[in-house]
Amino acid sequence: MTEVLRAAIFDMDGTLVDNMAFHNRAWEIVSERLGVPTKAERFQREFAGKKNEEIFPELLGRAVPPDELARLAEEKEGLYRATYRPHLALTRGADAFLERLRHRGVRLAIATAAPQGNRDLVLDGLRLRERFERVVGAEEVTRGKPSPDIFLRAAQDLGVAPAACVVFEDAANGVRAAKAAGMVAVGITTAATAEELRDAGADWTSADFTSLPAALLERLGIA
């Protein structure tokens, strides 16, 4: 792994912001109301990175009509936004790391399964939108993570070959998607363990953006 990395692609939830506990709690509440109570661990392990239209049929064990899907998704996401909004903050070290990448000329994108309302909360609430060349949402690709579609779309839009991209992810599905795209993957251990992320294929892991490995920083040209 010696190729210079010219682009950095960030997952949003659990990566740029440490918010997965709020998502998982919202899922727990909604699943209990639907009569299929499910623990947070399952949502983090199996569903993180997938689209709502992929999650609800799996959760309910049946096809979900579009109008019901829209209603359920808004219930869950509205609950998440209401509980997370007072805690909105970047993951430790992310602000300084983004500035170092920008000054070095590394291309920056976000690739997230988060729906528009959730993206707006984070991107506008933390004034992140102008810091990224591209924000790719799940509605722009056919398949959610662990399929590589969203990361390949981000690389294509940045004009950078997948092998020259590094992805920052908090979920095993996201790491699998990055590796399926042929990219370097860094696991941020806000919601999953380092072992779980390495088992999914992460090249490196880190607790946050203050302790990233020197070998990665060298490949990004910011060591």
C-alpha atoms as a PDB file:
ATOM      1  CA  MET A   1       0.000   0.000   0.000  1.00  0.00           C
ATOM      2  CA  THR A   2       2.245   2.783  -1.261  1.00  0.00           C
ATOM      3  CA  GLU A   3       0.080   4.739  -3.691  1.00  0.00           C
ATOM      4  CA  VAL A   4      -0.450   8.392  -2.814  1.00  0.00           C
ATOM      5  CA  LEU A   5      -3.972   9.022  -1.575  1.00  0.00           C
ATOM      6  CA  ARG A   6      -5.518  11.962  -3.421  1.00  0.00           C
ATOM      7  CA  ALA A   7      -9.069  11.855  -2.052  1.00  0.00           C
ATOM      8  CA  ALA A   8     -10.682  11.268   1.335  1.00  0.00           C
ATOM      9  CA  ILE A   9     -14.296  10.105   1.487  1.00  0.00           C
ATOM     10  CA  PHE A  10     -16.106  10.284   4.804  1.00  0.00           C
ATOM     11  CA  ASP A  11     -19.137   8.480   6.052  1.00  0.00           C
ATOM     12  CA  MET A  12     -21.181  10.936   8.114  1.00  0.00           C
ATOM     13  CA  ASP A  13     -23.086   9.248  10.956  1.00  0.00           C
ATOM     14  CA  GLY A  14     -20.741   7.681  13.491  1.00  0.00           C
ATOM     15  CA  THR A  15     -17.707   9.003  11.635  1.00  0.00           C
ATOM     16  CA  LEU A  16     -17.761  12.780  11.256  1.00  0.00           C
ATOM     17  CA  VAL A  17     -20.240  12.926  14.131  1.00  0.00           C
ATOM     18  CA  ASP A  18     -20.469  10.452  17.011  1.00  0.00           C
ATOM     19  CA  ASN A  19     -24.237   9.955  16.890  1.00  0.00           C
ATOM     20  CA  MET A  20     -24.926   6.253  16.404  1.00  0.00           C
ATOM     21  CA  ALA A  21     -26.198   5.770  19.955  1.00  0.00           C
ATOM     22  CA  PHE A  22     -29.013   8.216  19.120  1.00  0.00           C
ATOM     23  CA  HIS A  23     -29.824   6.414  15.860  1.00  0.00           C
ATOM     24  CA  ASN A  24     -29.810   3.022  17.545  1.00  0.00           C
ATOM     25  CA  ARG A  25     -32.043   4.192  20.374  1.00  0.00           C
ATOM     26  CA  ALA A  26     -34.538   5.601  17.850  1.00  0.00           C
ATOM     27  CA  TRP A  27     -34.517   2.237  16.056  1.00  0.00           C
ATOM     28  CA  GLU A  28     -35.130   0.429  19.333  1.00  0.00           C
ATOM     29  CA  ILE A  29     -38.165   2.603  20.108  1.00  0.00           C
ATOM     30  CA  VAL A  30     -39.663   2.247  16.623  1.00  0.00           C
ATOM     31  CA  SER A  31     -39.053  -1.501  16.448  1.00  0.00           C
ATOM     32  CA  GLU A  32     -40.733  -2.012  19.824  1.00  0.00           C
ATOM     33  CA  ARG A  33     -43.764  -0.015  18.690  1.00  0.00           C
ATOM     34  CA  LEU A  34     -43.949  -2.179  15.563  1.00  0.00           C
ATOM     35  CA  GLY A  35     -43.999  -5.348  17.651  1.00  0.00           C
ATOM     36  CA  VAL A  36     -40.554  -6.539  16.613  1.00  0.00           C
ATOM     37  CA  PRO A  37     -38.369  -5.319  19.496  1.00  0.00           C
ATOM     38  CA  THR A  38     -34.747  -5.329  18.415  1.00  0.00           C
ATOM     39  CA  LYS A  39     -31.607  -4.429  20.350  1.00  0.00           C
ATOM     40  CA  ALA A  40     -29.263  -1.632  19.315  1.00  0.00           C
ATOM     41  CA  GLU A  41     -26.462  -4.126  18.722  1.00  0.00           C
ATOM     42  CA  ARG A  42     -28.339  -5.667  15.791  1.00  0.00           C
ATOM     43  CA  PHE A  43     -28.921  -2.305  14.135  1.00  0.00           C
ATOM     44  CA  GLN A  44     -25.262  -1.415  14.436  1.00  0.00           C
ATOM     45  CA  ARG A  45     -24.033  -4.822  13.287  1.00  0.00           C
ATOM     46  CA  GLU A  46     -26.459  -5.552  10.441  1.00  0.00           C
ATOM     47  CA  PHE A  47     -28.149  -2.346   9.336  1.00  0.00           C
ATOM     48  CA  ALA A  48     -25.650   0.519   9.717  1.00  0.00           C
ATOM     49  CA  GLY A  49     -24.980   2.011   6.286  1.00  0.00           C
ATOM     50  CA  LYS A  50     -28.082   0.565   4.648  1.00  0.00           C
ATOM     51  CA  LYS A  51     -31.022   2.575   3.345  1.00  0.00           C
ATOM     52  CA  ASN A  52     -34.311   2.733   5.238  1.00  0.00           C
ATOM     53  CA  GLU A  53     -35.980   1.009   2.300  1.00  0.00           C
ATOM     54  CA  GLU A  54     -33.582  -1.899   2.844  1.00  0.00           C
ATOM     55  CA  ILE A  55     -33.835  -1.944   6.643  1.00  0.00           C
ATOM     56  CA  PHE A  56     -37.596  -1.886   7.229  1.00  0.00           C
ATOM     57  CA  PRO A  57     -38.413  -4.943   5.069  1.00  0.00           C
ATOM     58  CA  GLU A  58     -35.658  -6.894   6.854  1.00  0.00           C
ATOM     59  CA  LEU A  59     -36.869  -5.717  10.235  1.00  0.00           C
ATOM     60  CA  LEU A  60     -40.530  -6.516   9.567  1.00  0.00           C
ATOM     61  CA  GLY A  61     -39.942  -9.642   7.493  1.00  0.00           C
ATOM     62  CA  ARG A  62     -42.226  -8.479   4.684  1.00  0.00           C
ATOM     63  CA  ALA A  63     -42.502  -6.072   1.789  1.00  0.00           C
ATOM     64  CA  VAL A  64     -43.276  -2.515   2.895  1.00  0.00           C
ATOM     65  CA  PRO A  65     -45.444  -0.346   0.575  1.00  0.00           C
ATOM     66  CA  PRO A  66     -43.941   3.053  -0.334  1.00  0.00           C
ATOM     67  CA  ASP A  67     -46.435   5.114   1.684  1.00  0.00           C
ATOM     68  CA  GLU A  68     -45.908   3.008   4.809  1.00  0.00           C
ATOM     69  CA  LEU A  69     -42.136   3.098   4.292  1.00  0.00           C
ATOM     70  CA  ALA A  70     -42.157   6.896   4.051  1.00  0.00           C
ATOM     71  CA  ARG A  71     -44.218   7.173   7.240  1.00  0.00           C
ATOM     72  CA  LEU A  72     -42.049   4.754   9.208  1.00  0.00           C
ATOM     73  CA  ALA A  73     -38.823   6.336   7.999  1.00  0.00           C
ATOM     74  CA  GLU A  74     -39.968   9.818   8.976  1.00  0.00           C
ATOM     75  CA  GLU A  75     -41.041   8.567  12.406  1.00  0.00           C
ATOM     76  CA  LYS A  76     -37.658   7.027  13.063  1.00  0.00           C
ATOM     77  CA  GLU A  77     -35.595   9.896  11.613  1.00  0.00           C
ATOM     78  CA  GLY A  78     -37.686  12.568  13.319  1.00  0.00           C
ATOM     79  CA  LEU A  79     -37.147  10.851  16.659  1.00  0.00           C
ATOM     80  CA  TYR A  80     -33.407  10.637  15.998  1.00  0.00           C
ATOM     81  CA  ARG A  81     -33.120  14.320  15.030  1.00  0.00           C
ATOM     82  CA  ALA A  82     -35.075  15.505  18.058  1.00  0.00           C
ATOM     83  CA  THR A  83     -32.852  13.602  20.477  1.00  0.00           C
ATOM     84  CA  TYR A  84     -29.507  14.225  18.764  1.00  0.00           C
ATOM     85  CA  ARG A  85     -29.860  17.942  17.889  1.00  0.00           C
ATOM     86  CA  PRO A  86     -28.793  19.208  21.358  1.00  0.00           C
ATOM     87  CA  HIS A  87     -25.640  17.073  21.172  1.00  0.00           C
ATOM     88  CA  LEU A  88     -24.513  18.031  17.654  1.00  0.00           C
ATOM     89  CA  ALA A  89     -20.700  18.097  17.461  1.00  0.00           C
ATOM     90  CA  LEU A  90     -17.856  16.873  15.268  1.00  0.00           C
ATOM     91  CA  THR A  91     -15.922  13.770  16.279  1.00  0.00           C
ATOM     92  CA  ARG A  92     -12.758  14.685  18.166  1.00  0.00           C
ATOM     93  CA  GLY A  93     -10.028  15.911  15.836  1.00  0.00           C
ATOM     94  CA  ALA A  94     -12.207  16.003  12.702  1.00  0.00           C
ATOM     95  CA  ASP A  95     -12.136  19.784  12.308  1.00  0.00           C
ATOM     96  CA  ALA A  96      -8.336  20.055  12.359  1.00  0.00           C
ATOM     97  CA  PHE A  97      -7.924  16.957  10.193  1.00  0.00           C
ATOM     98  CA  LEU A  98     -10.236  18.338   7.502  1.00  0.00           C
ATOM     99  CA  GLU A  99      -8.254  21.579   7.458  1.00  0.00           C
ATOM    100  CA  ARG A 100      -4.960  19.731   7.043  1.00  0.00           C
ATOM    101  CA  LEU A 101      -6.396  17.763   4.128  1.00  0.00           C
ATOM    102  CA  ARG A 102      -7.814  20.868   2.500  1.00  0.00           C
ATOM    103  CA  HIS A 103      -4.502  22.754   2.735  1.00  0.00           C
ATOM    104  CA  ARG A 104      -2.712  19.765   1.206  1.00  0.00           C
ATOM    105  CA  GLY A 105      -5.161  19.742  -1.722  1.00  0.00           C
ATOM    106  CA  VAL A 106      -6.709  16.361  -0.911  1.00  0.00           C
ATOM    107  CA  ARG A 107     -10.137  16.067  -2.552  1.00  0.00           C
ATOM    108  CA  LEU A 108     -12.954  15.697  -0.011  1.00  0.00           C
ATOM    109  CA  ALA A 109     -16.374  14.051  -0.207  1.00  0.00           C
ATOM    110  CA  ILE A 110     -19.062  12.659   2.063  1.00  0.00           C
ATOM    111  CA  ALA A 111     -20.850   9.415   1.166  1.00  0.00           C
ATOM    112  CA  THR A 112     -23.744   8.694   3.494  1.00  0.00           C
ATOM    113  CA  ALA A 113     -26.929   6.670   3.721  1.00  0.00           C
ATOM    114  CA  ALA A 114     -28.452   9.420   5.867  1.00  0.00           C
ATOM    115  CA  PRO A 115     -31.646  10.909   4.383  1.00  0.00           C
ATOM    116  CA  GLN A 116     -31.797  14.571   3.414  1.00  0.00           C
ATOM    117  CA  GLY A 117     -33.182  15.865   6.709  1.00  0.00           C
ATOM    118  CA  ASN A 118     -30.431  14.162   8.687  1.00  0.00           C
ATOM    119  CA  ARG A 119     -27.764  15.448   6.308  1.00  0.00           C
ATOM    120  CA  ASP A 120     -29.081  18.984   6.641  1.00  0.00           C
ATOM    121  CA  LEU A 121     -28.968  18.763  10.441  1.00  0.00           C
ATOM    122  CA  VAL A 122     -25.270  17.874  10.451  1.00  0.00           C
ATOM    123  CA  LEU A 123     -23.978  19.684   7.374  1.00  0.00           C
ATOM    124  CA  ASP A 124     -25.716  22.967   8.081  1.00  0.00           C
ATOM    125  CA  GLY A 125     -25.629  22.734  11.868  1.00  0.00           C
ATOM    126  CA  LEU A 126     -21.837  22.277  11.814  1.00  0.00           C
ATOM    127  CA  ARG A 127     -21.204  24.373   8.667  1.00  0.00           C
ATOM    128  CA  LEU A 128     -19.643  21.419   6.900  1.00  0.00           C
ATOM    129  CA  ARG A 129     -21.259  21.726   3.500  1.00  0.00           C
ATOM    130  CA  GLU A 130     -18.762  24.200   2.070  1.00  0.00           C
ATOM    131  CA  ARG A 131     -15.813  22.087   3.192  1.00  0.00           C
ATOM    132  CA  PHE A 132     -16.620  19.181   0.863  1.00  0.00           C
ATOM    133  CA  GLU A 133     -16.602  19.128  -2.920  1.00  0.00           C
ATOM    134  CA  ARG A 134     -19.326  16.505  -3.034  1.00  0.00           C
ATOM    135  CA  VAL A 135     -21.970  15.028  -0.737  1.00  0.00           C
ATOM    136  CA  VAL A 136     -23.354  11.763  -2.127  1.00  0.00           C
ATOM    137  CA  GLY A 137     -26.631  10.564  -0.628  1.00  0.00           C
ATOM    138  CA  ALA A 138     -28.168   7.111  -0.692  1.00  0.00           C
ATOM    139  CA  GLU A 139     -30.868   8.257  -3.114  1.00  0.00           C
ATOM    140  CA  GLU A 140     -28.184   8.677  -5.786  1.00  0.00           C
ATOM    141  CA  VAL A 141     -27.247   4.989  -5.878  1.00  0.00           C
ATOM    142  CA  THR A 142     -29.142   1.749  -6.269  1.00  0.00           C
ATOM    143  CA  ARG A 143     -27.704  -0.235  -3.371  1.00  0.00           C
ATOM    144  CA  GLY A 144     -26.675   0.765   0.135  1.00  0.00           C
ATOM    145  CA  LYS A 145     -23.565  -0.389   1.958  1.00  0.00           C
ATOM    146  CA  PRO A 146     -21.985  -2.991   2.043  1.00  0.00           C
ATOM    147  CA  SER A 147     -22.291  -2.607  -1.738  1.00  0.00           C
ATOM    148  CA  PRO A 148     -19.595  -0.226  -3.028  1.00  0.00           C
ATOM    149  CA  ASP A 149     -21.933   1.958  -5.112  1.00  0.00           C
ATOM    150  CA  ILE A 150     -21.907   5.102  -2.975  1.00  0.00           C
ATOM    151  CA  PHE A 151     -18.124   5.225  -2.638  1.00  0.00           C
ATOM    152  CA  LEU A 152     -17.579   4.563  -6.329  1.00  0.00           C
ATOM    153  CA  ARG A 153     -19.985   7.389  -7.125  1.00  0.00           C
ATOM    154  CA  ALA A 154     -18.069   9.752  -4.849  1.00  0.00           C
ATOM    155  CA  ALA A 155     -14.731   8.836  -6.437  1.00  0.00           C
ATOM    156  CA  GLN A 156     -16.180   9.240  -9.920  1.00  0.00           C
ATOM    157  CA  ASP A 157     -17.548  12.682  -9.092  1.00  0.00           C
ATOM    158  CA  LEU A 158     -14.224  13.745  -7.596  1.00  0.00           C
ATOM    159  CA  GLY A 159     -12.378  12.466 -10.653  1.00  0.00           C
ATOM    160  CA  VAL A 160     -10.070  10.247  -8.576  1.00  0.00           C
ATOM    161  CA  ALA A 161      -9.359   6.553  -9.143  1.00  0.00           C
ATOM    162  CA  PRO A 162     -10.710   4.292  -6.365  1.00  0.00           C
ATOM    163  CA  ALA A 163      -7.202   3.057  -5.491  1.00  0.00           C
ATOM    164  CA  ALA A 164      -6.208   6.650  -4.685  1.00  0.00           C
ATOM    165  CA  CYS A 165      -9.122   7.128  -2.245  1.00  0.00           C
ATOM    166  CA  VAL A 166      -9.274   6.542   1.482  1.00  0.00           C
ATOM    167  CA  VAL A 167     -12.620   6.008   3.201  1.00  0.00           C
ATOM    168  CA  PHE A 168     -13.321   6.794   6.853  1.00  0.00           C
ATOM    169  CA  GLU A 169     -16.087   4.613   8.293  1.00  0.00           C
ATOM    170  CA  ASP A 170     -17.492   3.575  11.667  1.00  0.00           C
ATOM    171  CA  ALA A 171     -19.496   0.512  10.593  1.00  0.00           C
ATOM    172  CA  ALA A 172     -18.457  -2.921   9.363  1.00  0.00           C
ATOM    173  CA  ASN A 173     -20.830  -2.606   6.388  1.00  0.00           C
ATOM    174  CA  GLY A 174     -19.175   0.662   5.432  1.00  0.00           C
ATOM    175  CA  VAL A 175     -15.699  -0.843   5.639  1.00  0.00           C
ATOM    176  CA  ARG A 176     -16.845  -3.748   3.482  1.00  0.00           C
ATOM    177  CA  ALA A 177     -18.236  -1.277   0.944  1.00  0.00           C
ATOM    178  CA  ALA A 178     -14.967   0.661   0.831  1.00  0.00           C
ATOM    179  CA  LYS A 179     -12.910  -2.478   0.290  1.00  0.00           C
ATOM    180  CA  ALA A 180     -15.343  -3.712  -2.377  1.00  0.00           C
ATOM    181  CA  ALA A 181     -14.754  -0.382  -4.120  1.00  0.00           C
ATOM    182  CA  GLY A 182     -10.997  -1.007  -4.106  1.00  0.00           C
ATOM    183  CA  MET A 183     -10.262   1.772  -1.621  1.00  0.00           C
ATOM    184  CA  VAL A 184      -8.206   2.091   1.532  1.00  0.00           C
ATOM    185  CA  ALA A 185     -10.457   1.859   4.608  1.00  0.00           C
ATOM    186  CA  VAL A 186      -9.960   3.424   8.026  1.00  0.00           C
ATOM    187  CA  GLY A 187     -12.304   2.301  10.791  1.00  0.00           C
ATOM    188  CA  ILE A 188     -13.287   4.896  13.401  1.00  0.00           C
ATOM    189  CA  THR A 189     -14.238   3.049  16.581  1.00  0.00           C
ATOM    190  CA  THR A 190     -17.119   5.197  17.807  1.00  0.00           C
ATOM    191  CA  ALA A 191     -19.687   2.389  17.486  1.00  0.00           C
ATOM    192  CA  ALA A 192     -17.846  -0.820  16.554  1.00  0.00           C
ATOM    193  CA  THR A 193     -14.681  -2.308  18.001  1.00  0.00           C
ATOM    194  CA  ALA A 194     -11.330  -2.187  16.265  1.00  0.00           C
ATOM    195  CA  GLU A 195     -11.470  -5.966  15.947  1.00  0.00           C
ATOM    196  CA  GLU A 196     -14.882  -5.871  14.248  1.00  0.00           C
ATOM    197  CA  LEU A 197     -13.693  -3.226  11.794  1.00  0.00           C
ATOM    198  CA  ARG A 198     -10.458  -5.077  11.038  1.00  0.00           C
ATOM    199  CA  ASP A 199     -12.419  -8.283  10.511  1.00  0.00           C
ATOM    200  CA  ALA A 200     -14.515  -6.371   7.955  1.00  0.00           C
ATOM    201  CA  GLY A 201     -11.309  -5.398   6.137  1.00  0.00           C
ATOM    202  CA  ALA A 202     -10.177  -2.080   7.635  1.00  0.00           C
ATOM    203  CA  ASP A 203      -6.558  -1.282   6.809  1.00  0.00           C
ATOM    204  CA  TRP A 204      -6.250   0.821   9.958  1.00  0.00           C
ATOM    205  CA  THR A 205      -8.440   1.741  12.921  1.00  0.00           C
ATOM    206  CA  SER A 206      -8.469   4.748  15.219  1.00  0.00           C
ATOM    207  CA  ALA A 207     -10.572   5.996  18.120  1.00  0.00           C
ATOM    208  CA  ASP A 208     -10.982   9.398  16.447  1.00  0.00           C
ATOM    209  CA  PHE A 209      -9.118  11.805  14.150  1.00  0.00           C
ATOM    210  CA  THR A 210      -6.435  12.758  16.674  1.00  0.00           C
ATOM    211  CA  SER A 211      -4.655   9.389  16.645  1.00  0.00           C
ATOM    212  CA  LEU A 212      -4.544   8.370  12.999  1.00  0.00           C
ATOM    213  CA  PRO A 213      -1.561   6.158  12.064  1.00  0.00           C
ATOM    214  CA  ALA A 214       1.579   7.803  10.733  1.00  0.00           C
ATOM    215  CA  ALA A 215       1.624   5.545   7.653  1.00  0.00           C
ATOM    216  CA  LEU A 216      -1.800   6.861   6.630  1.00  0.00           C
ATOM    217  CA  LEU A 217      -0.792  10.492   7.158  1.00  0.00           C
ATOM    218  CA  GLU A 218       2.294   9.918   5.036  1.00  0.00           C
ATOM    219  CA  ARG A 219       0.205   8.583   2.154  1.00  0.00           C
ATOM    220  CA  LEU A 220      -2.011  11.643   2.435  1.00  0.00           C
ATOM    221  CA  GLY A 221       1.017  13.935   2.404  1.00  0.00           C
ATOM    222  CA  ILE A 222       0.275  15.496   5.803  1.00  0.00           C
ATOM    223  CA  ALA A 223       2.666  13.579   8.078  1.00  0.00           C
END
